[in-house]
Amino acid sequence: MANIETRRGSPWRIAGWSIAALLLLLPAVAMQFTNEVNWDGTDFVFAAVLFGTVGGVFELAVRMSRNWAYRGGVAAALAAAFLTIWANAAVGMIGNEDNSYNFLFLGVILLALVGSIAAHFRATGMAVAMTVAAVAHAAVALGGLGADQRGAILSLLFVGFWLLAAGLFRKAGEDQKRAHAAA
């Protein structure tokens, strides 16, 4: 069975990349029926690079660890980063997409990435990095309250993804410690 999956690909992998491709095609289809969706080539390239990066990083994480909590932590962190970038590019989290304040949210993603690298992608260090990212995201969101109250409150919802990632990485670290203690 493993040999068949190696040759043809895992059904989960095929499903994931198929969903990404379908999501990329949705705006092209929507543009045939409404003027509300108006993507150009740059928008499609941006979306393809974003989907490809998220998918590639998740595939790498799946290969790095068999621990479901670690994989879930990566998925939650990627969701936080993806949704932050997507929301900022589409409409902006605070004000509109041209508001320079929104670059601070990209700093949160950079903070999570640098923290992950500093932790050598180990679960316990990743838990700390994601917690720091959650706090930073909350601080940036709350700092935007004066400019856009609704946007600031909605962007606070993204903190949940960072906290979920932190909790899952913490669980993965505990699983790893138990496995080493039992060995």
C-alpha atoms as a PDB file:
ATOM      1  CA  MET A   1       0.000   0.000   0.000  1.00  0.00           C
ATOM      2  CA  ALA A   2       2.811   2.425   0.824  1.00  0.00           C
ATOM      3  CA  ASN A   3       4.344   1.766  -2.582  1.00  0.00           C
ATOM      4  CA  ILE A   4       1.083   2.681  -4.347  1.00  0.00           C
ATOM      5  CA  GLU A   5       0.834   5.907  -2.316  1.00  0.00           C
ATOM      6  CA  THR A   6       4.451   6.746  -3.173  1.00  0.00           C
ATOM      7  CA  ARG A   7       3.839   6.340  -6.891  1.00  0.00           C
ATOM      8  CA  ARG A   8       0.424   7.990  -7.073  1.00  0.00           C
ATOM      9  CA  GLY A   9       0.555  10.302  -4.071  1.00  0.00           C
ATOM     10  CA  SER A  10      -1.318  10.279  -0.831  1.00  0.00           C
ATOM     11  CA  PRO A  11      -5.080  10.848  -1.152  1.00  0.00           C
ATOM     12  CA  TRP A  12      -4.779  13.638   1.452  1.00  0.00           C
ATOM     13  CA  ARG A  13      -2.006  15.285  -0.516  1.00  0.00           C
ATOM     14  CA  ILE A  14      -3.964  15.065  -3.764  1.00  0.00           C
ATOM     15  CA  ALA A  15      -7.073  16.455  -2.034  1.00  0.00           C
ATOM     16  CA  GLY A  16      -5.134  19.352  -0.520  1.00  0.00           C
ATOM     17  CA  TRP A  17      -3.536  20.456  -3.777  1.00  0.00           C
ATOM     18  CA  SER A  18      -6.830  19.952  -5.634  1.00  0.00           C
ATOM     19  CA  ILE A  19      -8.618  22.239  -3.183  1.00  0.00           C
ATOM     20  CA  ALA A  20      -5.897  24.862  -3.631  1.00  0.00           C
ATOM     21  CA  ALA A  21      -6.291  24.651  -7.419  1.00  0.00           C
ATOM     22  CA  LEU A  22     -10.082  24.940  -7.163  1.00  0.00           C
ATOM     23  CA  LEU A  23      -9.790  27.962  -4.874  1.00  0.00           C
ATOM     24  CA  LEU A  24      -7.474  29.552  -7.408  1.00  0.00           C
ATOM     25  CA  LEU A  25     -10.018  28.939 -10.179  1.00  0.00           C
ATOM     26  CA  LEU A  26     -12.976  30.380  -8.229  1.00  0.00           C
ATOM     27  CA  PRO A  27     -12.209  34.031  -9.020  1.00  0.00           C
ATOM     28  CA  ALA A  28     -11.794  33.191 -12.727  1.00  0.00           C
ATOM     29  CA  VAL A  29     -15.241  31.596 -12.735  1.00  0.00           C
ATOM     30  CA  ALA A  30     -16.769  34.369 -10.624  1.00  0.00           C
ATOM     31  CA  MET A  31     -15.458  37.006 -13.055  1.00  0.00           C
ATOM     32  CA  GLN A  32     -17.646  35.423 -15.757  1.00  0.00           C
ATOM     33  CA  PHE A  33     -20.789  36.175 -13.734  1.00  0.00           C
ATOM     34  CA  THR A  34     -20.132  39.400 -11.809  1.00  0.00           C
ATOM     35  CA  ASN A  35     -18.168  42.604 -12.029  1.00  0.00           C
ATOM     36  CA  GLU A  36     -17.598  42.488  -8.256  1.00  0.00           C
ATOM     37  CA  VAL A  37     -14.644  40.142  -8.789  1.00  0.00           C
ATOM     38  CA  ASN A  38     -11.991  41.735 -10.968  1.00  0.00           C
ATOM     39  CA  TRP A  39      -8.657  39.908 -10.735  1.00  0.00           C
ATOM     40  CA  ASP A  40      -5.762  40.521 -13.063  1.00  0.00           C
ATOM     41  CA  GLY A  41      -2.712  38.349 -13.717  1.00  0.00           C
ATOM     42  CA  THR A  42      -0.881  39.753 -10.694  1.00  0.00           C
ATOM     43  CA  ASP A  43      -3.724  38.694  -8.390  1.00  0.00           C
ATOM     44  CA  PHE A  44      -3.636  35.142  -9.714  1.00  0.00           C
ATOM     45  CA  VAL A  45       0.157  34.943  -9.392  1.00  0.00           C
ATOM     46  CA  PHE A  46      -0.029  36.313  -5.834  1.00  0.00           C
ATOM     47  CA  ALA A  47      -2.690  33.753  -4.878  1.00  0.00           C
ATOM     48  CA  ALA A  48      -0.784  30.900  -6.553  1.00  0.00           C
ATOM     49  CA  VAL A  49       2.440  31.808  -4.736  1.00  0.00           C
ATOM     50  CA  LEU A  50       0.559  32.097  -1.429  1.00  0.00           C
ATOM     51  CA  PHE A  51      -1.231  28.753  -1.867  1.00  0.00           C
ATOM     52  CA  GLY A  52       1.966  27.099  -3.063  1.00  0.00           C
ATOM     53  CA  THR A  53       3.980  28.402  -0.123  1.00  0.00           C
ATOM     54  CA  VAL A  54       1.404  27.309   2.440  1.00  0.00           C
ATOM     55  CA  GLY A  55       1.012  23.895   0.799  1.00  0.00           C
ATOM     56  CA  GLY A  56       4.752  23.392   0.481  1.00  0.00           C
ATOM     57  CA  VAL A  57       5.454  24.331   4.092  1.00  0.00           C
ATOM     58  CA  PHE A  58       2.700  22.011   5.303  1.00  0.00           C
ATOM     59  CA  GLU A  59       4.056  19.146   3.205  1.00  0.00           C
ATOM     60  CA  LEU A  60       7.490  19.762   4.708  1.00  0.00           C
ATOM     61  CA  ALA A  61       5.993  19.665   8.213  1.00  0.00           C
ATOM     62  CA  VAL A  62       4.222  16.390   7.458  1.00  0.00           C
ATOM     63  CA  ARG A  63       7.543  14.905   6.382  1.00  0.00           C
ATOM     64  CA  MET A  64       9.351  16.307   9.447  1.00  0.00           C
ATOM     65  CA  SER A  65       6.972  14.920  12.044  1.00  0.00           C
ATOM     66  CA  ARG A  66       4.462  12.132  12.382  1.00  0.00           C
ATOM     67  CA  ASN A  67       3.009  13.762  15.508  1.00  0.00           C
ATOM     68  CA  TRP A  68      -0.551  14.932  14.824  1.00  0.00           C
ATOM     69  CA  ALA A  69      -0.253  17.803  17.326  1.00  0.00           C
ATOM     70  CA  TYR A  70       2.888  19.134  15.626  1.00  0.00           C
ATOM     71  CA  ARG A  71       1.208  18.917  12.232  1.00  0.00           C
ATOM     72  CA  GLY A  72      -1.876  20.627  13.649  1.00  0.00           C
ATOM     73  CA  GLY A  73       0.290  23.364  15.130  1.00  0.00           C
ATOM     74  CA  VAL A  74       1.868  23.980  11.745  1.00  0.00           C
ATOM     75  CA  ALA A  75      -1.574  24.013  10.113  1.00  0.00           C
ATOM     76  CA  ALA A  76      -2.919  26.535  12.650  1.00  0.00           C
ATOM     77  CA  ALA A  77       0.134  28.784  12.305  1.00  0.00           C
ATOM     78  CA  LEU A  78      -0.093  28.609   8.516  1.00  0.00           C
ATOM     79  CA  ALA A  79      -3.805  29.447   8.713  1.00  0.00           C
ATOM     80  CA  ALA A  80      -3.020  32.495  10.858  1.00  0.00           C
ATOM     81  CA  ALA A  81      -0.327  33.672   8.458  1.00  0.00           C
ATOM     82  CA  PHE A  82      -2.334  32.905   5.312  1.00  0.00           C
ATOM     83  CA  LEU A  83      -5.495  34.610   6.536  1.00  0.00           C
ATOM     84  CA  THR A  84      -3.558  37.637   7.764  1.00  0.00           C
ATOM     85  CA  ILE A  85      -1.843  38.079   4.407  1.00  0.00           C
ATOM     86  CA  TRP A  86      -5.037  37.398   2.460  1.00  0.00           C
ATOM     87  CA  ALA A  87      -7.150  39.810   4.511  1.00  0.00           C
ATOM     88  CA  ASN A  88      -4.520  42.527   4.310  1.00  0.00           C
ATOM     89  CA  ALA A  89      -4.132  42.141   0.556  1.00  0.00           C
ATOM     90  CA  ALA A  90      -7.874  41.991  -0.103  1.00  0.00           C
ATOM     91  CA  VAL A  91      -9.366  44.664   2.139  1.00  0.00           C
ATOM     92  CA  GLY A  92      -6.901  45.470   4.916  1.00  0.00           C
ATOM     93  CA  MET A  93      -7.327  44.534   8.557  1.00  0.00           C
ATOM     94  CA  ILE A  94      -7.220  48.093   9.852  1.00  0.00           C
ATOM     95  CA  GLY A  95      -8.769  50.541   7.424  1.00  0.00           C
ATOM     96  CA  ASN A  96      -8.295  49.540   3.801  1.00  0.00           C
ATOM     97  CA  GLU A  97      -5.569  47.541   2.073  1.00  0.00           C
ATOM     98  CA  ASP A  98      -3.555  50.733   1.471  1.00  0.00           C
ATOM     99  CA  ASN A  99      -3.279  51.583   5.187  1.00  0.00           C
ATOM    100  CA  SER A 100       0.401  51.274   6.093  1.00  0.00           C
ATOM    101  CA  TYR A 101      -0.551  50.247   9.647  1.00  0.00           C
ATOM    102  CA  ASN A 102      -1.386  46.814   8.214  1.00  0.00           C
ATOM    103  CA  PHE A 103       2.330  46.161   7.639  1.00  0.00           C
ATOM    104  CA  LEU A 104       2.579  45.623  11.396  1.00  0.00           C
ATOM    105  CA  PHE A 105       0.539  42.436  10.990  1.00  0.00           C
ATOM    106  CA  LEU A 106       3.162  41.182   8.552  1.00  0.00           C
ATOM    107  CA  GLY A 107       5.683  41.864  11.311  1.00  0.00           C
ATOM    108  CA  VAL A 108       3.750  39.404  13.486  1.00  0.00           C
ATOM    109  CA  ILE A 109       4.211  36.716  10.834  1.00  0.00           C
ATOM    110  CA  LEU A 110       7.899  37.552  10.589  1.00  0.00           C
ATOM    111  CA  LEU A 111       8.158  37.332  14.380  1.00  0.00           C
ATOM    112  CA  ALA A 112       6.581  33.853  14.322  1.00  0.00           C
ATOM    113  CA  LEU A 113       8.944  32.756  11.543  1.00  0.00           C
ATOM    114  CA  VAL A 114      12.075  34.098  13.244  1.00  0.00           C
ATOM    115  CA  GLY A 115      10.977  32.509  16.532  1.00  0.00           C
ATOM    116  CA  SER A 116      10.430  29.189  14.781  1.00  0.00           C
ATOM    117  CA  ILE A 117      13.863  29.316  13.183  1.00  0.00           C
ATOM    118  CA  ALA A 118      15.455  30.263  16.514  1.00  0.00           C
ATOM    119  CA  ALA A 119      13.686  27.262  18.082  1.00  0.00           C
ATOM    120  CA  HIS A 120      15.099  25.025  15.315  1.00  0.00           C
ATOM    121  CA  PHE A 121      11.468  24.075  14.622  1.00  0.00           C
ATOM    122  CA  ARG A 122      11.311  22.085  17.874  1.00  0.00           C
ATOM    123  CA  ALA A 123       7.833  21.826  19.309  1.00  0.00           C
ATOM    124  CA  THR A 124       8.467  23.449  22.702  1.00  0.00           C
ATOM    125  CA  GLY A 125      10.233  26.423  21.139  1.00  0.00           C
ATOM    126  CA  MET A 126       7.536  26.718  18.497  1.00  0.00           C
ATOM    127  CA  ALA A 127       4.946  26.900  21.283  1.00  0.00           C
ATOM    128  CA  VAL A 128       6.771  29.909  22.709  1.00  0.00           C
ATOM    129  CA  ALA A 129       7.122  31.528  19.269  1.00  0.00           C
ATOM    130  CA  MET A 130       3.402  31.134  18.551  1.00  0.00           C
ATOM    131  CA  THR A 131       2.478  32.533  21.968  1.00  0.00           C
ATOM    132  CA  VAL A 132       4.676  35.570  21.291  1.00  0.00           C
ATOM    133  CA  ALA A 133       3.018  35.928  17.865  1.00  0.00           C
ATOM    134  CA  ALA A 134      -0.422  35.808  19.523  1.00  0.00           C
ATOM    135  CA  VAL A 135       0.523  38.540  21.974  1.00  0.00           C
ATOM    136  CA  ALA A 136       2.053  40.651  19.206  1.00  0.00           C
ATOM    137  CA  HIS A 137      -1.007  40.178  16.975  1.00  0.00           C
ATOM    138  CA  ALA A 138      -3.296  41.201  19.833  1.00  0.00           C
ATOM    139  CA  ALA A 139      -1.155  44.285  20.520  1.00  0.00           C
ATOM    140  CA  VAL A 140      -1.226  45.350  16.860  1.00  0.00           C
ATOM    141  CA  ALA A 141      -4.984  44.758  16.644  1.00  0.00           C
ATOM    142  CA  LEU A 142      -5.679  46.711  19.824  1.00  0.00           C
ATOM    143  CA  GLY A 143      -3.370  49.482  18.631  1.00  0.00           C
ATOM    144  CA  GLY A 144      -5.629  49.879  15.589  1.00  0.00           C
ATOM    145  CA  LEU A 145      -8.788  50.407  17.629  1.00  0.00           C
ATOM    146  CA  GLY A 146      -8.647  54.175  17.190  1.00  0.00           C
ATOM    147  CA  ALA A 147      -8.380  53.974  13.411  1.00  0.00           C
ATOM    148  CA  ASP A 148     -10.853  51.156  12.702  1.00  0.00           C
ATOM    149  CA  GLN A 149     -12.769  49.660  15.597  1.00  0.00           C
ATOM    150  CA  ARG A 150     -14.512  46.933  13.585  1.00  0.00           C
ATOM    151  CA  GLY A 151     -11.298  45.924  11.795  1.00  0.00           C
ATOM    152  CA  ALA A 152      -9.382  45.817  15.068  1.00  0.00           C
ATOM    153  CA  ILE A 153     -11.980  43.631  16.746  1.00  0.00           C
ATOM    154  CA  LEU A 154     -12.190  41.275  13.751  1.00  0.00           C
ATOM    155  CA  SER A 155      -8.405  41.015  13.559  1.00  0.00           C
ATOM    156  CA  LEU A 156      -8.378  39.939  17.206  1.00  0.00           C
ATOM    157  CA  LEU A 157     -10.070  36.731  16.045  1.00  0.00           C
ATOM    158  CA  PHE A 158      -6.815  35.774  14.313  1.00  0.00           C
ATOM    159  CA  VAL A 159      -5.138  35.602  17.727  1.00  0.00           C
ATOM    160  CA  GLY A 160      -7.068  32.369  18.247  1.00  0.00           C
ATOM    161  CA  PHE A 161      -5.150  30.682  15.411  1.00  0.00           C
ATOM    162  CA  TRP A 162      -1.808  31.658  16.968  1.00  0.00           C
ATOM    163  CA  LEU A 163      -2.965  30.394  20.380  1.00  0.00           C
ATOM    164  CA  LEU A 164      -4.258  27.156  18.872  1.00  0.00           C
ATOM    165  CA  ALA A 165      -0.870  26.652  17.202  1.00  0.00           C
ATOM    166  CA  ALA A 166       0.893  27.338  20.524  1.00  0.00           C
ATOM    167  CA  GLY A 167      -1.298  24.816  22.337  1.00  0.00           C
ATOM    168  CA  LEU A 168      -0.771  22.135  19.718  1.00  0.00           C
ATOM    169  CA  PHE A 169       3.002  22.663  19.705  1.00  0.00           C
ATOM    170  CA  ARG A 170       2.972  22.462  23.508  1.00  0.00           C
ATOM    171  CA  LYS A 171       1.111  19.135  23.241  1.00  0.00           C
ATOM    172  CA  ALA A 172       3.612  17.891  20.648  1.00  0.00           C
ATOM    173  CA  GLY A 173       6.479  18.828  22.976  1.00  0.00           C
ATOM    174  CA  GLU A 174       4.867  16.912  25.837  1.00  0.00           C
ATOM    175  CA  ASP A 175       4.347  13.902  23.568  1.00  0.00           C
ATOM    176  CA  GLN A 176       8.007  14.032  22.599  1.00  0.00           C
ATOM    177  CA  LYS A 177       9.134  14.191  26.241  1.00  0.00           C
ATOM    178  CA  ARG A 178       6.935  11.185  27.104  1.00  0.00           C
ATOM    179  CA  ALA A 179       8.353   9.230  24.160  1.00  0.00           C
ATOM    180  CA  HIS A 180      11.938   9.969  25.244  1.00  0.00           C
ATOM    181  CA  ALA A 181      11.164   9.055  28.857  1.00  0.00           C
ATOM    182  CA  ALA A 182       9.640   5.736  27.782  1.00  0.00           C
ATOM    183  CA  ALA A 183      12.612   4.888  25.555  1.00  0.00           C
END
